[in-house]
N, C-alpha and C. Protein backbone atom coordinates (compact mmCIF):
# COMPACT_ATOMS: atom_id res chain seq x y z
N MET A 1 78.63 -43.58 -54.97
CA MET A 1 77.15 -43.28 -54.33
C MET A 1 77.40 -42.55 -53.14
N VAL A 2 76.66 -41.65 -52.93
CA VAL A 2 76.64 -40.78 -51.82
C VAL A 2 75.36 -41.18 -50.63
N ALA A 3 75.80 -41.68 -49.41
CA ALA A 3 74.81 -42.10 -48.63
C ALA A 3 74.02 -40.82 -47.91
N GLY A 4 72.88 -41.12 -47.43
CA GLY A 4 72.23 -40.01 -46.83
C GLY A 4 70.96 -39.87 -47.48
N ALA A 5 70.12 -38.88 -46.98
CA ALA A 5 68.87 -38.51 -47.36
C ALA A 5 68.93 -37.96 -48.67
N VAL A 6 67.73 -37.82 -49.60
CA VAL A 6 67.79 -37.14 -50.67
C VAL A 6 67.19 -35.80 -50.32
N GLY A 7 67.61 -34.66 -50.88
CA GLY A 7 67.15 -33.18 -50.68
C GLY A 7 68.09 -32.47 -50.06
N ARG A 8 67.68 -31.14 -49.65
CA ARG A 8 68.45 -30.23 -48.63
C ARG A 8 68.43 -30.80 -47.29
N PRO A 9 69.49 -30.63 -46.65
CA PRO A 9 69.52 -30.99 -45.44
C PRO A 9 68.58 -30.08 -44.52
N ARG A 10 67.86 -30.81 -43.39
CA ARG A 10 67.00 -30.10 -42.73
C ARG A 10 67.65 -29.26 -41.69
N ARG A 11 66.94 -27.84 -41.54
CA ARG A 11 67.46 -26.95 -40.43
C ARG A 11 66.41 -26.53 -39.41
N ARG A 12 66.92 -26.47 -38.31
CA ARG A 12 65.76 -25.93 -37.20
C ARG A 12 65.61 -24.37 -37.61
N PRO A 13 64.56 -23.88 -37.12
CA PRO A 13 64.39 -22.51 -37.37
C PRO A 13 64.94 -21.67 -36.10
N ASP A 14 65.22 -20.51 -36.08
CA ASP A 14 65.89 -19.79 -35.04
C ASP A 14 64.70 -19.64 -34.11
N MET A 15 63.58 -19.16 -34.59
CA MET A 15 62.38 -18.99 -33.58
C MET A 15 61.06 -19.37 -34.01
N LEU A 16 60.05 -19.49 -33.28
CA LEU A 16 58.76 -19.95 -33.53
C LEU A 16 57.80 -18.88 -33.32
N PHE A 17 56.95 -18.49 -34.14
CA PHE A 17 55.84 -17.67 -33.73
C PHE A 17 54.59 -18.52 -33.54
N ALA A 18 53.93 -18.07 -32.52
CA ALA A 18 52.55 -18.99 -32.10
C ALA A 18 51.45 -17.84 -31.42
N ASP A 19 50.37 -18.49 -31.52
CA ASP A 19 49.48 -17.48 -30.94
C ASP A 19 49.23 -17.80 -29.35
N ARG A 20 48.29 -17.05 -28.66
CA ARG A 20 48.27 -17.26 -27.12
C ARG A 20 47.64 -18.63 -26.92
N GLY A 21 47.13 -19.20 -27.73
CA GLY A 21 46.78 -20.88 -27.37
C GLY A 21 47.93 -21.54 -27.17
N HIS A 22 49.26 -21.29 -27.55
CA HIS A 22 50.37 -22.22 -27.36
C HIS A 22 51.20 -21.70 -26.23
N ASP A 23 50.71 -20.66 -25.47
CA ASP A 23 51.50 -20.14 -24.41
C ASP A 23 51.37 -21.34 -23.20
N HIS A 24 52.30 -21.85 -23.07
CA HIS A 24 52.49 -22.86 -22.00
C HIS A 24 53.89 -23.20 -21.90
N GLY A 25 54.24 -23.29 -20.32
CA GLY A 25 55.68 -23.66 -20.01
C GLY A 25 56.17 -24.90 -20.75
N LYS A 26 55.27 -26.04 -21.03
CA LYS A 26 55.79 -27.21 -21.45
C LYS A 26 56.25 -26.82 -22.81
N TYR A 27 55.48 -26.12 -23.70
CA TYR A 27 55.85 -25.88 -25.02
C TYR A 27 57.25 -24.98 -25.21
N ARG A 28 57.09 -24.16 -24.32
CA ARG A 28 58.40 -23.26 -24.34
C ARG A 28 59.54 -24.08 -23.90
N ARG A 29 59.45 -24.67 -23.11
CA ARG A 29 60.65 -25.68 -22.35
C ARG A 29 61.14 -26.56 -23.56
N LEU A 30 60.19 -27.22 -24.17
CA LEU A 30 60.44 -28.11 -25.34
C LEU A 30 61.07 -27.38 -26.47
N LEU A 31 60.56 -26.31 -26.85
CA LEU A 31 61.31 -25.56 -28.03
C LEU A 31 62.72 -25.13 -27.53
N ARG A 32 62.88 -24.52 -26.32
CA ARG A 32 64.23 -24.01 -25.91
C ARG A 32 65.44 -25.21 -25.71
N GLU A 33 64.85 -26.41 -25.62
CA GLU A 33 65.78 -27.54 -25.39
C GLU A 33 66.36 -27.96 -26.92
N ARG A 34 65.35 -27.60 -28.10
CA ARG A 34 65.92 -27.76 -29.27
C ARG A 34 66.49 -26.76 -29.79
N GLY A 35 66.67 -25.63 -28.91
CA GLY A 35 67.46 -24.61 -29.46
C GLY A 35 66.72 -23.43 -30.31
N ILE A 36 65.20 -23.50 -30.24
CA ILE A 36 64.55 -22.65 -30.88
C ILE A 36 63.78 -21.73 -29.84
N ARG A 37 63.90 -20.35 -30.19
CA ARG A 37 63.31 -19.21 -29.06
C ARG A 37 61.91 -19.32 -29.62
N PRO A 38 60.68 -19.53 -28.48
CA PRO A 38 59.57 -19.29 -28.84
C PRO A 38 59.11 -17.85 -28.46
N VAL A 39 58.22 -17.45 -29.65
CA VAL A 39 57.82 -15.85 -29.63
C VAL A 39 56.34 -16.08 -29.45
N THR A 40 55.76 -16.06 -28.36
CA THR A 40 54.27 -16.09 -28.36
C THR A 40 53.54 -15.29 -27.81
N ALA A 41 52.39 -14.89 -28.00
CA ALA A 41 51.67 -13.86 -27.33
C ALA A 41 51.28 -14.48 -25.83
N ALA A 42 51.43 -13.59 -24.69
CA ALA A 42 51.01 -14.04 -23.30
C ALA A 42 49.81 -14.20 -23.13
N ARG A 43 49.37 -15.12 -22.34
CA ARG A 43 47.96 -15.20 -22.06
C ARG A 43 47.60 -14.12 -20.96
N GLY A 44 46.47 -13.81 -20.82
CA GLY A 44 46.09 -12.68 -19.99
C GLY A 44 46.55 -11.26 -20.23
N GLN A 45 47.16 -11.25 -21.39
CA GLN A 45 47.47 -9.81 -21.76
C GLN A 45 46.49 -9.40 -22.62
N PRO A 46 46.33 -7.86 -22.74
CA PRO A 46 45.13 -7.47 -23.85
C PRO A 46 45.80 -7.83 -25.22
N HIS A 47 44.60 -7.91 -26.15
CA HIS A 47 45.03 -8.18 -27.56
C HIS A 47 45.87 -7.05 -28.15
N GLY A 48 46.65 -7.37 -29.20
CA GLY A 48 47.37 -6.28 -29.74
C GLY A 48 48.73 -6.42 -29.07
N THR A 49 49.17 -7.49 -28.45
CA THR A 49 50.55 -7.72 -27.88
C THR A 49 51.08 -9.02 -28.78
N GLY A 50 52.39 -9.22 -28.76
CA GLY A 50 52.93 -10.24 -29.40
C GLY A 50 52.81 -10.50 -30.85
N PRO A 51 53.12 -11.67 -31.33
CA PRO A 51 53.18 -11.95 -32.74
C PRO A 51 51.73 -11.93 -33.39
N GLY A 52 50.64 -11.63 -32.57
CA GLY A 52 49.32 -11.59 -32.93
C GLY A 52 48.72 -10.31 -33.27
N THR A 53 49.60 -9.37 -33.31
CA THR A 53 49.27 -7.92 -33.37
C THR A 53 48.63 -7.82 -34.77
N PHE A 54 49.09 -8.34 -35.81
CA PHE A 54 48.65 -8.27 -37.21
C PHE A 54 48.29 -9.61 -37.54
N ARG A 55 47.07 -9.91 -38.07
CA ARG A 55 46.88 -11.39 -38.62
C ARG A 55 47.85 -11.68 -39.79
N ARG A 56 48.11 -12.88 -39.68
CA ARG A 56 49.06 -13.26 -40.74
C ARG A 56 48.37 -13.27 -42.00
N VAL A 57 49.26 -13.01 -43.17
CA VAL A 57 48.75 -13.17 -44.44
C VAL A 57 48.21 -14.34 -44.98
N VAL A 58 48.75 -15.42 -44.70
CA VAL A 58 48.29 -16.66 -44.77
C VAL A 58 47.05 -17.24 -44.31
N GLU A 59 46.97 -16.95 -42.94
CA GLU A 59 45.63 -17.27 -42.23
C GLU A 59 44.59 -16.56 -42.87
N ARG A 60 44.83 -15.24 -43.27
CA ARG A 60 43.66 -14.54 -43.86
C ARG A 60 43.24 -14.99 -45.23
N THR A 61 44.19 -15.55 -46.00
CA THR A 61 43.97 -15.97 -47.30
C THR A 61 43.44 -17.48 -47.15
N ILE A 62 43.63 -18.20 -46.27
CA ILE A 62 43.07 -19.36 -46.21
C ILE A 62 41.46 -19.36 -45.73
N SER A 63 41.17 -18.05 -45.05
CA SER A 63 39.92 -17.89 -44.59
C SER A 63 38.89 -17.48 -45.75
N TRP A 64 39.36 -17.37 -47.08
CA TRP A 64 38.57 -16.65 -48.05
C TRP A 64 37.79 -17.81 -48.89
N PRO A 65 38.41 -18.96 -49.14
CA PRO A 65 37.66 -19.83 -50.03
C PRO A 65 36.33 -20.47 -49.08
N PRO A 66 36.31 -20.63 -47.95
CA PRO A 66 34.91 -21.07 -47.23
C PRO A 66 33.70 -20.19 -47.42
N GLY A 67 34.16 -18.71 -47.78
CA GLY A 67 33.14 -17.97 -48.18
C GLY A 67 32.29 -18.26 -49.15
N PHE A 68 32.71 -19.15 -50.19
CA PHE A 68 31.91 -19.84 -51.29
C PHE A 68 31.14 -20.93 -50.62
N ARG A 69 29.73 -20.82 -50.75
CA ARG A 69 28.94 -21.84 -50.01
C ARG A 69 29.36 -23.07 -50.44
N ARG A 70 29.50 -23.31 -51.73
CA ARG A 70 29.74 -24.86 -52.17
C ARG A 70 30.93 -25.30 -51.72
N LEU A 71 31.78 -24.62 -51.08
CA LEU A 71 33.33 -25.11 -50.71
C LEU A 71 33.01 -25.26 -49.13
N ARG A 72 32.16 -24.43 -48.44
CA ARG A 72 32.11 -24.55 -46.96
C ARG A 72 31.90 -25.78 -46.48
N ILE A 73 30.69 -26.54 -47.14
CA ILE A 73 30.51 -28.07 -46.84
C ILE A 73 30.69 -28.73 -48.13
N ARG A 74 31.57 -29.76 -47.88
CA ARG A 74 31.88 -30.40 -49.02
C ARG A 74 30.77 -31.51 -49.61
N TRP A 75 30.12 -31.18 -50.58
CA TRP A 75 28.87 -31.68 -51.06
C TRP A 75 29.62 -32.79 -52.16
N GLU A 76 30.58 -32.35 -52.73
CA GLU A 76 31.21 -33.19 -54.11
C GLU A 76 31.62 -34.55 -53.37
N ARG A 77 31.42 -35.59 -54.09
CA ARG A 77 31.87 -36.91 -53.65
C ARG A 77 33.42 -37.46 -54.33
N ARG A 78 33.55 -36.62 -55.44
CA ARG A 78 34.73 -36.82 -56.17
C ARG A 78 35.77 -35.64 -55.99
N ASP A 79 36.87 -36.06 -55.77
CA ASP A 79 38.10 -35.03 -55.43
C ASP A 79 38.25 -34.07 -56.59
N ASP A 80 38.26 -34.51 -57.90
CA ASP A 80 38.61 -33.79 -58.96
C ASP A 80 37.43 -32.65 -59.09
N ILE A 81 36.42 -32.79 -58.70
CA ILE A 81 35.31 -31.89 -58.82
C ILE A 81 35.40 -30.81 -57.79
N HIS A 82 35.75 -31.30 -56.65
CA HIS A 82 35.91 -30.40 -55.40
C HIS A 82 37.19 -29.49 -55.64
N GLU A 83 38.08 -30.07 -56.43
CA GLU A 83 39.30 -29.30 -56.63
C GLU A 83 39.21 -28.30 -57.71
N ALA A 84 38.14 -28.76 -58.69
CA ALA A 84 37.87 -27.67 -59.67
C ALA A 84 37.06 -26.50 -59.06
N PHE A 85 36.03 -26.74 -58.18
CA PHE A 85 35.52 -25.63 -57.56
C PHE A 85 36.53 -24.80 -56.66
N LEU A 86 37.49 -25.41 -56.12
CA LEU A 86 38.48 -24.75 -55.22
C LEU A 86 39.34 -23.76 -56.11
N GLY A 87 39.59 -24.31 -57.31
CA GLY A 87 40.40 -23.61 -58.10
C GLY A 87 39.79 -22.36 -58.87
N LEU A 88 38.44 -22.61 -59.06
CA LEU A 88 37.43 -21.36 -59.74
C LEU A 88 37.42 -20.38 -58.31
N ALA A 89 37.27 -20.77 -57.10
CA ALA A 89 37.02 -19.93 -55.98
C ALA A 89 38.47 -19.04 -55.90
N VAL A 90 39.64 -19.83 -56.16
CA VAL A 90 40.93 -19.10 -55.92
C VAL A 90 41.02 -17.97 -57.09
N ARG A 91 40.58 -18.38 -58.30
CA ARG A 91 40.57 -17.48 -59.39
C ARG A 91 39.62 -16.22 -59.29
N LEU A 92 38.51 -16.52 -58.72
CA LEU A 92 37.57 -15.22 -58.43
C LEU A 92 38.11 -14.55 -57.27
N ILE A 93 38.67 -14.90 -56.30
CA ILE A 93 39.31 -14.18 -55.31
C ILE A 93 40.43 -13.35 -55.76
N THR A 94 41.50 -13.97 -56.61
CA THR A 94 42.33 -13.15 -57.18
C THR A 94 41.98 -12.05 -58.08
N HIS A 95 40.90 -12.36 -58.95
CA HIS A 95 40.42 -11.45 -59.70
C HIS A 95 39.77 -10.23 -59.03
N ARG A 96 39.21 -10.66 -57.96
CA ARG A 96 38.34 -9.51 -57.26
C ARG A 96 39.67 -8.52 -56.46
N HIS A 97 40.80 -9.34 -55.81
CA HIS A 97 41.73 -8.61 -55.38
C HIS A 97 42.37 -7.77 -56.34
N VAL A 98 42.66 -8.23 -57.50
CA VAL A 98 43.42 -7.50 -58.45
C VAL A 98 42.51 -6.22 -58.76
N GLN A 99 41.27 -6.56 -59.00
CA GLN A 99 40.38 -5.31 -59.48
C GLN A 99 40.37 -4.29 -58.60
N ARG A 100 40.48 -4.59 -57.09
CA ARG A 100 40.51 -3.55 -55.92
C ARG A 100 41.77 -2.82 -56.09
N LEU A 101 42.94 -3.50 -56.39
CA LEU A 101 44.17 -2.96 -56.42
C LEU A 101 44.19 -1.83 -57.53
N CYS A 102 43.54 -2.32 -58.85
CA CYS A 102 43.68 -1.53 -59.81
C CYS A 102 42.66 -0.13 -59.74
N GLN A 103 41.72 -0.34 -59.08
CA GLN A 103 40.88 0.79 -58.62
C GLN A 103 41.36 2.00 -58.05
N GLY A 104 42.38 1.44 -57.20
CA GLY A 104 43.22 2.40 -56.12
C GLY A 104 44.15 3.24 -56.84
N GLN A 105 44.52 3.06 -58.28
CA GLN A 105 45.44 3.76 -58.77
C GLN A 105 44.77 5.06 -59.47
């Protein structure tokens, strides 16, 4: 029997990307103490500097489902019904995105 935790060994990232809301000396210092290089947009600088130059794909994608009114405010009491509507919204978003990609060809 091998002792230790199950799964891959954890690794620290080399650097951490963050927006200007996390630009504070305290956070930078804590990251550097752990050997992680902070890459954050500086406060007081005009937009278009640092890692926030282009909006992240994940953030953009997460912002799409609330565009469906039924998902914006959770009216459903049952989790399975809410999850079904979420799955339907994701399928509609994917379908529209693929249609847009196909029209460009």
